[in-house]
Amino acid sequence: MTPTPAELAKQITDLQTSLNLVWTLVGAFLVMFMQAGLALVETGLTRAKNAAHTMAMNIMVYAIGIVGFWAIGFGLQMGGVGALSTFGGETTLSSEFALHFVSKVFGLFGTSGFFLSPAVYTPAVAATFIFQMVFMDTTATIPTGAMAERWKFTAFVLFSFIIVTVIYPVYANWVWGGGWLSQLGTNFGLGHGHVDFAGSSVVHMTGGMMSLVGMKHLGARLGKFGKDGAVHPMPGHSVPMVVLGTIILAFGWFGFNAGSTLAGTDSQIAIIATNTMLASAAGGFASYLYLQLRFGKPDVTLVCNGLLAGLVAITAPCAFVSAPESVLIGGIAGVLVVLAAVFIERKLLLDDPVGAVAVHGVNGVWGILAVGLFANGTYGDGLNNVPGKVAGLFHGGGFGQLGAQCIGIVANVVYVGLMTAFGMFLVNKLCGSRSTPEDEFAGLDLGEIGVGGYGTDGSRTAAPEALGGAPNV
């Protein structure tokens, strides 16, 4: 029996929805695999005596993230998002706590979807949950590298729950869940509101900001800085780990960026994927050139961070820019990450073993600004309920879009910074934030995890006092 036009239209719509669900799940699986890349990069850039501890944080944050996000975080982030347009327009998640001021609505956080209760547990919501969860978990993993080699494991566990249930979900709601930053366009005519296609601010800047505040709270590793401010190098123990982890991250990033269409039926995924690859290569190559010219030798670990910086920077504008602009954005990121890492260590005297703030924080900001500058007006029609396509300053968009991007940056610094400081303060009062000097010197593997990363015994070779003692926490 030949289907009627209405039946045929429904079949096509159902097929599109199913394809979009599959594409979103594939993207989520790729992003989940990035957890392995982050674990390898962080562990390779730290010392062998802390390998098990660093790896343990990377696997535990995955478990903590899923449980905390399932219970609370997902509801706060996506509970008021409204219609899931690529998943058949489902409106299951449509309850947002908002303030009403001068005839404007300012969404603050969602109020449905907690614990994925049976009332909301549809295929569309399940796909949304798993995709948003792996993005959140990427964010929660970033501070584990910045605070590696001196972060007490119990304190890490407690603070990670704060990240996944409060810090990340609320800011993510403001940008991706229908909150007030996404509505700067409809409320105040600032472009399409704060636009972050795949997470330069929501994921990377948030992770970088938490890392910055956390490093300041914990202090430097024993012996990192002399009393005269001299910087003592503490090189990581495995360059092969770092390179392999970087390649895994670059692979998973295709799910990060192209997957953020949430639609396998969106042909823009090809442009997004290509822009992602171009920016990563430009970041790696630009960092190599800069290192070669300035220092005479290209540190391969910094080249890896340059490649990652290019990926971070293109994450927000990947859907809105051309191929040459992607190369430019990535190239600037590759140089910026080296400059930022040197400044943070030598001028601010902050100890970041993996360069997390330089890679994720600084280049998260650059990626957000790149949208306001380079968005070319070819994509994003109707984004955040604003008619027309996203255009930046250099493509006739004026200062509105750039202004919305800047407001999102300031909001991130204020909210994430303050919440991190408060959360670290509470955790420190409860259990102390920093490992003991004895455990730190011997290595945190045996002292806190009970197993050596490579079967080592963790024996001491000198007294902690010889390294200048522990800083105050």
Protein backbone atom coordinates (compact mmCIF):
# COMPACT_ATOMS: atom_id res chain seq x y z
CA MET A 1 0.00 0.00 0.00
CA THR A 2 1.41 3.35 -1.05
CA PRO A 3 1.82 5.74 1.90
CA THR A 4 -0.06 9.00 1.85
CA PRO A 5 1.90 12.26 1.58
CA ALA A 6 1.38 12.85 5.28
CA GLU A 7 2.63 9.36 6.16
CA LEU A 8 5.62 9.76 3.87
CA ALA A 9 6.47 13.11 5.43
CA LYS A 10 6.30 11.57 8.90
CA GLN A 11 8.55 8.69 7.85
CA ILE A 12 11.13 11.13 6.49
CA THR A 13 10.98 13.23 9.66
CA ASP A 14 11.35 10.14 11.85
CA LEU A 15 14.31 8.99 9.76
CA GLN A 16 15.99 12.40 10.11
CA THR A 17 15.45 12.34 13.87
CA SER A 18 16.92 8.84 14.13
CA LEU A 19 19.94 9.86 12.05
CA ASN A 20 20.47 12.89 14.26
CA LEU A 21 20.31 10.72 17.37
CA VAL A 22 22.90 8.32 15.95
CA TRP A 23 25.20 11.18 14.91
CA THR A 24 24.96 12.76 18.36
CA LEU A 25 25.76 9.45 20.06
CA VAL A 26 28.78 8.89 17.79
CA GLY A 27 29.99 12.39 18.67
CA ALA A 28 29.55 11.61 22.37
CA PHE A 29 31.55 8.39 22.04
CA LEU A 30 34.41 10.28 20.37
CA VAL A 31 34.44 12.91 23.11
CA MET A 32 34.40 10.20 25.78
CA PHE A 33 37.57 8.76 24.21
CA MET A 34 39.22 12.13 24.79
CA GLN A 35 39.36 11.12 28.46
CA ALA A 36 42.15 8.72 27.49
CA GLY A 37 43.98 11.48 25.66
CA LEU A 38 43.78 13.85 28.60
CA ALA A 39 45.00 11.13 30.99
CA LEU A 40 48.02 10.40 28.79
CA VAL A 41 48.94 14.05 28.28
CA GLU A 42 48.65 14.92 31.96
CA THR A 43 50.49 11.84 33.17
CA GLY A 44 53.26 12.21 30.59
CA LEU A 45 53.84 15.84 31.59
CA THR A 46 54.18 14.96 35.28
CA ARG A 47 56.81 12.91 37.09
CA ALA A 48 56.86 9.11 37.23
CA LYS A 49 56.40 9.02 41.01
CA ASN A 50 52.92 10.57 40.56
CA ALA A 51 51.77 8.57 37.53
CA ALA A 52 49.22 6.41 39.35
CA HIS A 53 47.83 9.43 41.22
CA THR A 54 47.38 11.46 38.03
CA MET A 55 45.80 8.53 36.21
CA ALA A 56 43.55 7.86 39.21
CA MET A 57 42.20 11.43 39.09
CA ASN A 58 41.46 11.02 35.39
CA ILE A 59 39.46 7.82 35.83
CA MET A 60 37.70 8.96 39.00
CA VAL A 61 36.57 12.27 37.54
CA TYR A 62 34.75 10.28 34.85
CA ALA A 63 32.81 8.30 37.45
CA ILE A 64 32.20 11.35 39.65
CA GLY A 65 31.08 13.36 36.66
CA ILE A 66 28.50 10.87 35.48
CA VAL A 67 26.93 10.38 38.90
CA GLY A 68 26.87 14.06 39.85
CA PHE A 69 25.66 15.23 36.45
CA TRP A 70 22.94 12.57 36.37
CA ALA A 71 21.66 13.57 39.79
CA ILE A 72 21.87 17.37 39.66
CA GLY A 73 24.05 18.92 36.97
CA PHE A 74 22.07 17.92 33.89
CA GLY A 75 18.84 19.32 35.30
CA LEU A 76 20.46 22.64 36.19
CA GLN A 77 22.06 22.90 32.76
CA MET A 78 19.43 21.61 30.35
CA GLY A 79 16.22 21.46 32.37
CA GLY A 80 14.87 24.61 30.71
CA VAL A 81 16.38 24.30 27.23
CA GLY A 82 12.99 23.97 25.52
CA ALA A 83 12.41 22.26 22.19
CA LEU A 84 15.15 19.87 21.07
CA SER A 85 14.87 20.87 17.43
CA THR A 86 17.12 18.20 15.92
CA PHE A 87 15.41 15.45 17.90
CA GLY A 88 11.90 15.99 16.60
CA GLY A 89 11.23 19.20 18.50
CA GLU A 90 10.64 17.40 21.79
CA THR A 91 9.81 19.81 24.63
CA THR A 92 10.31 17.53 27.64
CA LEU A 93 12.94 19.83 29.18
CA SER A 94 11.14 23.16 29.42
CA SER A 95 11.32 24.36 33.02
CA GLU A 96 13.74 27.23 33.68
CA PHE A 97 14.16 29.37 36.78
CA ALA A 98 14.35 32.92 35.48
CA LEU A 99 14.30 36.51 36.69
CA HIS A 100 12.02 39.02 34.99
CA PHE A 101 13.39 42.53 34.84
CA VAL A 102 12.40 45.54 32.68
CA SER A 103 10.30 43.26 30.45
CA LYS A 104 13.27 40.96 29.88
CA VAL A 105 13.69 37.33 30.90
CA PHE A 106 17.01 36.23 32.39
CA GLY A 107 17.24 32.46 32.63
CA LEU A 108 19.51 31.25 35.44
CA PHE A 109 19.18 27.46 35.69
CA GLY A 110 16.94 24.57 34.74
CA THR A 111 14.48 22.94 37.11
CA SER A 112 13.68 19.61 35.42
CA GLY A 113 15.56 16.51 34.33
CA PHE A 114 17.11 15.64 37.69
CA PHE A 115 18.00 11.95 38.10
CA LEU A 116 16.59 11.34 34.59
CA SER A 117 13.28 10.43 36.14
CA PRO A 118 10.85 8.26 34.11
CA ALA A 119 8.78 11.34 33.26
CA VAL A 120 11.63 12.81 31.19
CA TYR A 121 13.62 9.73 30.17
CA THR A 122 12.97 9.70 26.45
CA PRO A 123 15.47 8.81 23.69
CA ALA A 124 15.89 12.51 22.88
CA VAL A 125 16.68 13.40 26.49
CA ALA A 126 18.98 10.39 26.88
CA ALA A 127 20.99 11.45 23.82
CA THR A 128 21.14 15.02 25.11
CA PHE A 129 22.32 13.79 28.50
CA ILE A 130 25.15 11.61 27.24
CA PHE A 131 26.41 14.27 24.83
CA GLN A 132 26.35 17.04 27.43
CA MET A 133 27.83 14.74 30.06
CA VAL A 134 31.05 14.04 28.14
CA PHE A 135 31.52 17.77 27.53
CA MET A 136 31.09 18.43 31.23
CA ASP A 137 33.55 15.69 32.09
CA THR A 138 36.17 17.18 29.79
CA THR A 139 35.85 20.41 31.75
CA ALA A 140 36.14 18.65 35.11
CA THR A 141 39.32 16.89 33.96
CA ILE A 142 41.23 20.07 33.09
CA PRO A 143 42.05 21.09 36.71
CA THR A 144 43.50 17.64 37.45
CA GLY A 145 46.47 18.48 35.24
CA ALA A 146 46.97 22.01 36.51
CA MET A 147 46.94 20.89 40.15
CA ALA A 148 48.72 17.59 39.65
CA GLU A 149 51.47 16.34 41.97
CA ARG A 150 50.22 18.09 45.10
CA TRP A 151 46.39 17.87 45.18
CA LYS A 152 45.10 15.66 47.99
CA PHE A 153 42.96 12.93 46.47
CA THR A 154 40.06 13.35 48.89
CA ALA A 155 40.00 17.09 48.17
CA PHE A 156 40.00 16.36 44.44
CA VAL A 157 36.99 14.06 44.83
CA LEU A 158 34.98 16.59 46.84
CA PHE A 159 35.78 19.53 44.58
CA SER A 160 34.97 17.51 41.47
CA PHE A 161 31.44 17.01 42.77
CA ILE A 162 31.16 20.80 43.14
CA ILE A 163 32.28 21.22 39.52
CA VAL A 164 29.80 18.77 38.03
CA THR A 165 26.80 19.72 40.13
CA VAL A 166 27.10 23.51 40.41
CA ILE A 167 29.97 25.33 38.70
CA TYR A 168 29.84 23.89 35.20
CA PRO A 169 26.07 23.32 34.82
CA VAL A 170 25.02 26.85 35.71
CA TYR A 171 27.38 28.60 33.31
CA ALA A 172 26.57 26.01 30.63
CA ASN A 173 22.88 26.79 31.13
CA TRP A 174 23.52 30.46 30.50
CA VAL A 175 25.11 29.64 27.12
CA TRP A 176 23.61 26.33 25.93
CA GLY A 177 20.55 25.79 28.09
CA GLY A 178 18.57 28.86 27.08
CA GLY A 179 19.96 31.06 29.85
CA TRP A 180 20.59 34.79 29.89
CA LEU A 181 23.88 34.88 27.96
CA SER A 182 22.29 33.12 24.98
CA GLN A 183 19.50 35.71 25.02
CA LEU A 184 21.67 38.82 24.83
CA GLY A 185 20.62 39.07 21.19
CA THR A 186 16.87 38.93 21.72
CA ASN A 187 17.01 41.04 24.89
CA PHE A 188 19.54 43.70 23.91
CA GLY A 189 20.24 43.30 20.20
CA LEU A 190 23.79 42.01 20.72
CA GLY A 191 24.19 39.78 17.70
CA HIS A 192 22.97 36.25 18.36
CA GLY A 193 23.80 36.49 22.05
CA HIS A 194 26.89 34.80 23.43
CA VAL A 195 27.78 32.20 20.79
CA ASP A 196 29.99 29.23 21.66
CA PHE A 197 29.39 26.52 19.11
CA ALA A 198 31.24 23.69 20.84
CA GLY A 199 32.74 24.97 24.07
CA SER A 200 35.63 27.46 23.99
CA SER A 201 34.05 29.28 26.94
CA VAL A 202 31.68 26.67 28.37
CA VAL A 203 34.27 23.89 28.49
CA HIS A 204 37.76 25.27 28.05
CA MET A 205 37.64 28.71 29.62
CA THR A 206 35.71 27.25 32.55
CA GLY A 207 38.35 24.55 33.03
CA GLY A 208 41.14 27.10 32.67
CA MET A 209 39.57 29.49 35.15
CA MET A 210 39.12 26.75 37.74
CA SER A 211 42.73 25.74 37.18
CA LEU A 212 44.00 29.28 37.66
CA VAL A 213 42.18 29.77 40.96
CA GLY A 214 43.03 26.25 42.10
CA MET A 215 46.75 26.68 41.43
CA LYS A 216 46.77 29.90 43.40
CA HIS A 217 44.99 28.16 46.27
CA LEU A 218 47.27 25.12 46.37
CA GLY A 219 50.58 26.84 45.78
CA ALA A 220 53.49 25.47 43.78
CA ARG A 221 55.04 22.03 43.96
CA LEU A 222 57.92 21.62 46.38
CA GLY A 223 61.05 23.09 44.88
CA LYS A 224 59.40 24.60 41.81
CA PHE A 225 60.33 28.18 42.73
CA GLY A 226 63.34 29.32 44.69
CA LYS A 227 63.15 31.96 47.41
CA ASP A 228 64.53 34.44 44.91
CA GLY A 229 61.77 33.60 42.42
CA ALA A 230 64.00 31.40 40.25
CA VAL A 231 62.08 28.80 38.28
CA HIS A 232 63.31 25.23 38.63
CA PRO A 233 62.25 22.98 35.73
CA MET A 234 60.32 19.81 36.62
CA PRO A 235 60.05 18.00 33.31
CA GLY A 236 57.51 15.28 32.72
CA HIS A 237 58.58 11.67 32.48
CA SER A 238 57.12 10.46 29.16
CA VAL A 239 57.14 12.40 25.90
CA PRO A 240 55.63 9.42 24.01
CA MET A 241 52.63 9.53 26.36
CA VAL A 242 52.16 13.24 25.66
CA VAL A 243 52.33 12.84 21.88
CA LEU A 244 50.00 9.83 21.84
CA GLY A 245 47.54 11.61 24.12
CA THR A 246 47.61 14.68 21.88
CA ILE A 247 46.79 12.60 18.80
CA ILE A 248 43.91 10.92 20.64
CA LEU A 249 42.56 14.32 21.68
CA ALA A 250 42.81 15.65 18.12
CA PHE A 251 40.86 12.60 16.92
CA GLY A 252 38.17 12.96 19.58
CA TRP A 253 37.84 16.66 18.81
CA PHE A 254 35.95 15.82 15.61
CA GLY A 255 33.16 14.59 17.88
CA PHE A 256 33.57 17.66 20.05
CA ASN A 257 33.10 20.14 17.19
CA ALA A 258 31.29 18.43 14.33
CA GLY A 259 29.14 16.50 16.79
CA SER A 260 27.86 19.77 18.23
CA THR A 261 25.53 20.21 15.27
CA LEU A 262 23.48 17.48 17.01
CA ALA A 263 22.39 16.65 13.48
CA GLY A 264 23.82 14.19 11.01
CA THR A 265 21.52 15.86 8.49
CA ASP A 266 23.45 19.14 8.75
CA SER A 267 25.93 19.29 5.87
CA GLN A 268 27.96 21.93 7.74
CA ILE A 269 29.62 19.07 9.63
CA ALA A 270 32.11 18.69 6.76
CA ILE A 271 33.22 22.33 7.05
CA ILE A 272 33.35 22.11 10.84
CA ALA A 273 35.55 19.01 10.74
CA THR A 274 37.90 20.51 8.17
CA ASN A 275 38.18 23.79 10.06
CA THR A 276 38.99 21.79 13.19
CA MET A 277 41.81 19.91 11.49
CA LEU A 278 43.25 23.04 9.87
CA ALA A 279 43.35 24.99 13.13
CA SER A 280 45.02 22.14 15.00
CA ALA A 281 47.75 21.84 12.39
CA ALA A 282 48.28 25.60 12.30
CA GLY A 283 48.56 25.68 16.09
CA GLY A 284 51.17 22.95 16.16
CA PHE A 285 53.20 24.39 13.30
CA ALA A 286 53.07 27.97 14.59
CA SER A 287 54.28 26.89 18.03
CA TYR A 288 57.14 24.98 16.38
CA LEU A 289 58.21 28.05 14.38
CA TYR A 290 58.01 30.33 17.38
CA LEU A 291 59.97 27.95 19.63
CA GLN A 292 62.61 27.42 16.96
CA LEU A 293 63.06 31.15 16.42
CA ARG A 294 63.06 32.16 20.07
CA PHE A 295 64.77 29.25 21.82
CA GLY A 296 66.63 27.52 19.01
CA LYS A 297 65.01 24.14 19.72
CA PRO A 298 61.35 23.13 19.52
CA ASP A 299 60.19 21.43 22.73
CA VAL A 300 57.84 18.74 21.43
CA THR A 301 55.63 18.99 24.52
CA LEU A 302 55.04 22.66 23.78
CA VAL A 303 54.35 21.82 20.15
CA CYS A 304 51.70 19.39 21.40
CA ASN A 305 50.22 22.15 23.53
CA GLY A 306 50.28 24.40 20.46
CA LEU A 307 48.24 21.87 18.53
CA LEU A 308 45.79 21.57 21.42
CA ALA A 309 45.59 25.36 21.69
CA GLY A 310 44.58 25.53 18.03
CA LEU A 311 41.81 23.04 18.76
CA VAL A 312 40.61 24.99 21.79
CA ALA A 313 40.56 28.26 19.85
CA ILE A 314 38.60 26.87 16.89
CA THR A 315 36.02 25.16 19.10
CA ALA A 316 33.73 28.20 19.35
CA PRO A 317 34.03 29.57 15.78
CA CYS A 318 34.42 26.25 13.90
CA ALA A 319 30.98 26.46 12.25
CA PHE A 320 31.16 30.12 11.33
CA VAL A 321 34.55 30.75 9.69
CA SER A 322 36.37 30.01 6.43
CA ALA A 323 39.40 27.76 5.94
CA PRO A 324 41.98 30.63 5.84
CA GLU A 325 40.45 32.13 8.98
CA SER A 326 40.68 28.74 10.71
CA VAL A 327 44.40 28.60 9.92
CA LEU A 328 44.82 32.15 11.23
CA ILE A 329 42.92 31.41 14.43
CA GLY A 330 44.92 28.23 15.05
CA GLY A 331 48.24 29.88 14.20
CA ILE A 332 47.68 32.72 16.65
CA ALA A 333 46.72 30.16 19.30
CA GLY A 334 49.94 28.23 18.73
CA VAL A 335 52.06 31.27 19.55
CA LEU A 336 49.74 32.55 22.26
CA VAL A 337 49.97 29.31 24.23
CA VAL A 338 53.78 29.57 24.50
CA LEU A 339 53.67 33.24 25.48
CA ALA A 340 50.98 32.55 28.08
CA ALA A 341 52.78 29.55 29.56
CA VAL A 342 56.01 31.53 29.99
CA PHE A 343 54.14 34.50 31.48
CA ILE A 344 52.17 32.37 33.94
CA GLU A 345 55.26 30.56 35.17
CA ARG A 346 57.90 33.31 35.15
CA LYS A 347 55.86 36.44 35.90
CA LEU A 348 52.89 35.18 37.92
CA LEU A 349 54.96 32.40 39.57
CA LEU A 350 52.09 29.94 39.27
CA ASP A 351 52.90 26.27 38.87
CA ASP A 352 50.95 24.60 36.05
CA PRO A 353 52.60 21.24 35.27
CA VAL A 354 50.66 20.70 32.03
CA GLY A 355 50.02 24.25 30.82
CA ALA A 356 46.27 23.92 31.35
CA VAL A 357 45.61 27.63 31.81
CA ALA A 358 47.62 28.58 28.73
CA VAL A 359 45.97 25.91 26.56
CA HIS A 360 42.39 25.98 27.80
CA GLY A 361 41.92 29.27 29.62
CA VAL A 362 43.81 31.75 27.44
CA ASN A 363 42.87 30.12 24.17
CA GLY A 364 39.31 29.58 25.29
CA VAL A 365 39.11 33.37 25.53
CA TRP A 366 40.75 33.74 22.11
CA GLY A 367 38.27 31.32 20.55
CA ILE A 368 35.30 33.23 21.92
CA LEU A 369 36.67 36.52 20.65
CA ALA A 370 37.31 34.91 17.25
CA VAL A 371 33.56 34.38 16.81
CA GLY A 372 32.94 38.09 17.35
CA LEU A 373 35.69 38.96 14.88
CA PHE A 374 35.60 36.34 12.12
CA ALA A 375 32.10 34.81 11.94
CA ASN A 376 31.36 35.18 8.21
CA GLY A 377 27.57 35.28 8.05
CA THR A 378 27.12 31.95 6.25
CA TYR A 379 25.72 29.79 9.07
CA GLY A 380 23.61 29.94 12.20
CA ASP A 381 20.32 31.32 10.91
CA GLY A 382 17.91 31.60 13.84
CA LEU A 383 20.53 30.64 16.43
CA ASN A 384 19.37 31.66 19.91
CA ASN A 385 16.06 32.82 18.37
CA VAL A 386 17.70 35.62 16.37
CA PRO A 387 16.86 35.82 12.64
CA GLY A 388 19.77 35.84 10.20
CA LYS A 389 23.19 34.22 10.31
CA VAL A 390 26.06 34.83 12.70
CA ALA A 391 28.40 37.62 11.55
CA GLY A 392 31.40 39.11 13.33
CA LEU A 393 33.08 42.49 13.19
CA PHE A 394 35.14 41.77 10.08
CA HIS A 395 32.14 40.51 8.12
CA GLY A 396 29.65 43.30 8.63
CA GLY A 397 28.29 42.20 11.99
CA GLY A 398 29.31 45.34 13.83
CA PHE A 399 30.26 45.32 17.48
CA GLY A 400 27.11 43.60 18.73
CA GLN A 401 28.33 40.03 18.42
CA LEU A 402 31.76 40.92 19.76
CA GLY A 403 30.09 42.65 22.70
CA ALA A 404 28.06 39.53 23.52
CA GLN A 405 31.22 37.45 23.38
CA CYS A 406 32.98 39.80 25.80
CA ILE A 407 30.07 39.74 28.24
CA GLY A 408 30.23 35.94 28.26
CA ILE A 409 33.95 36.08 29.05
CA VAL A 410 33.43 38.48 31.96
CA ALA A 411 30.56 36.34 33.29
CA ASN A 412 32.80 33.29 33.21
CA VAL A 413 35.65 35.00 35.07
CA VAL A 414 33.32 36.31 37.77
CA TYR A 415 31.06 33.30 38.29
CA VAL A 416 33.53 30.46 37.76
CA GLY A 417 36.31 32.31 39.56
CA LEU A 418 34.24 33.10 42.65
CA MET A 419 32.59 29.69 42.82
CA THR A 420 35.94 27.95 42.49
CA ALA A 421 37.48 30.06 45.25
CA PHE A 422 34.51 29.36 47.51
CA GLY A 423 34.50 25.65 46.70
CA MET A 424 38.22 25.28 47.31
CA PHE A 425 37.85 27.15 50.60
CA LEU A 426 35.10 24.79 51.78
CA VAL A 427 37.00 21.68 50.77
CA ASN A 428 40.14 22.94 52.49
CA LYS A 429 38.18 23.48 55.70
CA LEU A 430 36.72 19.98 55.49
CA CYS A 431 39.80 17.92 54.74
CA GLY A 432 42.69 20.10 53.62
CA SER A 433 43.47 20.65 49.97
CA ARG A 434 47.12 19.71 49.74
CA SER A 435 49.00 16.47 50.19
CA THR A 436 51.57 16.26 52.97
CA PRO A 437 55.15 17.33 52.17
CA GLU A 438 56.31 13.77 52.88
CA ASP A 439 53.87 12.22 50.41
CA GLU A 440 54.56 14.91 47.84
CA PHE A 441 58.28 14.39 47.97
CA ALA A 442 58.12 10.60 47.92
CA GLY A 443 55.45 10.64 45.27
CA LEU A 444 51.68 10.58 45.70
CA ASP A 445 51.29 7.13 44.19
CA LEU A 446 51.97 5.10 47.33
CA GLY A 447 51.07 7.77 49.88
CA GLU A 448 47.59 8.45 48.49
CA ILE A 449 46.74 5.71 45.98
CA GLY A 450 48.56 2.77 47.51
CA VAL A 451 50.15 1.57 44.29
CA GLY A 452 53.10 2.76 42.25
CA GLY A 453 52.48 3.79 38.68
CA TYR A 454 55.35 1.61 37.47
CA GLY A 455 55.80 -0.72 40.42
CA THR A 456 58.24 1.64 42.13
CA ASP A 457 58.65 1.71 45.89
CA GLY A 458 58.46 5.50 46.22
CA SER A 459 61.54 5.73 48.43
CA ARG A 460 62.88 9.16 49.29
CA THR A 461 66.21 10.41 48.03
CA ALA A 462 66.37 13.67 50.03
CA ALA A 463 64.50 15.50 52.72
CA PRO A 464 61.61 17.79 51.75
CA GLU A 465 63.41 20.63 53.49
CA ALA A 466 66.10 20.47 50.83
CA LEU A 467 63.51 21.55 48.30
CA GLY A 468 62.43 24.61 50.22
CA GLY A 469 59.56 23.13 52.21
CA ALA A 470 55.87 23.24 51.46
CA PRO A 471 54.07 26.51 50.73
CA ASN A 472 51.22 27.59 52.94
CA VAL A 473 47.78 26.34 51.99
